[in-house]
Amino acid sequence: MVYTSLTEAPHNLKEAIDWLMALKGTDAAKNMAAIGDAIHKFLVDKPVGFTEVPALGEVKLISKEFMEKPALRVQPFVKLLLERFSKPLDKSPGVIAKAFGLVPKSDYENVVQTRGTKPEAIAKNLGKVVDGCEKFLEKMKISDHYNSAYSSGATWDASCAKDPEACAVVLVGIAPMLYTGLGALRDACNEEALKYMQFNHRRSTLGEVLEAVGYKEPDCRAGMSTSGVTRALRGVNREILNIIYDLAGFWAFYGKNKSGAVRAVEPVKPTQEEQSVKPVEPVEHPAEPVEAEQPAEAIEPVEPVQEGQSAGVEEPVKAEEPVKVVKAAKSVKAAKKAAKKVAKKARQKKNRTQNSQ
């Protein structure tokens, strides 16, 4: 099936990437700026809670059907995402969940507001997604046989210029499809590479996942090796997946109340200066930094002992010498002196006697 307008939503990953390529068109800078502005206007005022958007609901249903394919839904992260369509989503996670990055920020915050994101930033980030997907497509397609799901007439000017929000809705709605499809391919490559180390049954083979996301012969290299698909996915890193995830607007369009009623929470006011966060690379978004508690007042450390200096221990008091001992010593000294005088006189007397003889 060939779509003639970008307002027609794709039904699998292959078609979704074709949609992005058609959106890029021949003037990528202009078209990225236009879709960035449209997405910003669509997301920036959406409160945390659940907002019903009929046009978006139709696209979400298409993404949900794609995610329910057997080769994809067996992936744990896909199971969790599928629950967003039917179960209430916790929009007030605990401190621990936030601190350890167990819940992405865009699940419970309007990140367009809290990060102070401008249309230009959305355009730039979406450009990264388009570039990464284009590199993947170039490796996967068989040029002579490849047919895009979108005709040459499906352009921004023809499809979106008069109603930019219509195309923004499509992109927001297919974000879970892009995230799931690309993520499942990455996981399948990892499982294939480590299959000799696994003791349990693998969830889906790489070939099964490629077919599920829409890459089949004769258009694509469906039989490409694991290393080949891994190389093709080099441009689709964790940053790219995080950008796609945030564009889905999980804080606003998923997780109905049990009653099904529309419920909105006051949006979080953007901070004056957003703290920079370094992601931990894994499936989860970068963890939100936690303010450290004030440390307890430290005990002043003991100063090291300098060479030749005491360590603060008092010197023992010297005992006074007993008086008797002092007097006895003086007496002995006087006696020795007197004895020397007597001996000297005796020698002198002896010498005089010898001389007179």
Foldseek 3Di string as FASTA:
>chain_A
DADAALLDFDQFQQQNLLSLVQQCPPPNVVSLLLLLQLLCVVQVPFFFFADDDPSLVVLLVSLLVLCPPQLQCLDVVSVVVNVQAPAAQDLDDDPVCQQVLVDAPLQNASCCFQVVPDSVNLSVLVVLLSVLSVLLCVLWWDVVPADHNYDNNHYCVNHQPVPVNSSLSSLLSCLSNNLRLLVSLVVLLVCVVCVVVDPDDDRHHNLVSCVSRPRDPPGTPSVDDSVSSVVSNPSVFLSSSVSSVSSNSNSYHTRADPVNDTDGDPHDHHDPHDDDFDADDDNGGTRDHDDDDDDDDDDDDQDDADVPGDSPDDDDDDDDDDPVVVVVVVVVVVVVVVVVVVVVVVVVVVVVVVVVD
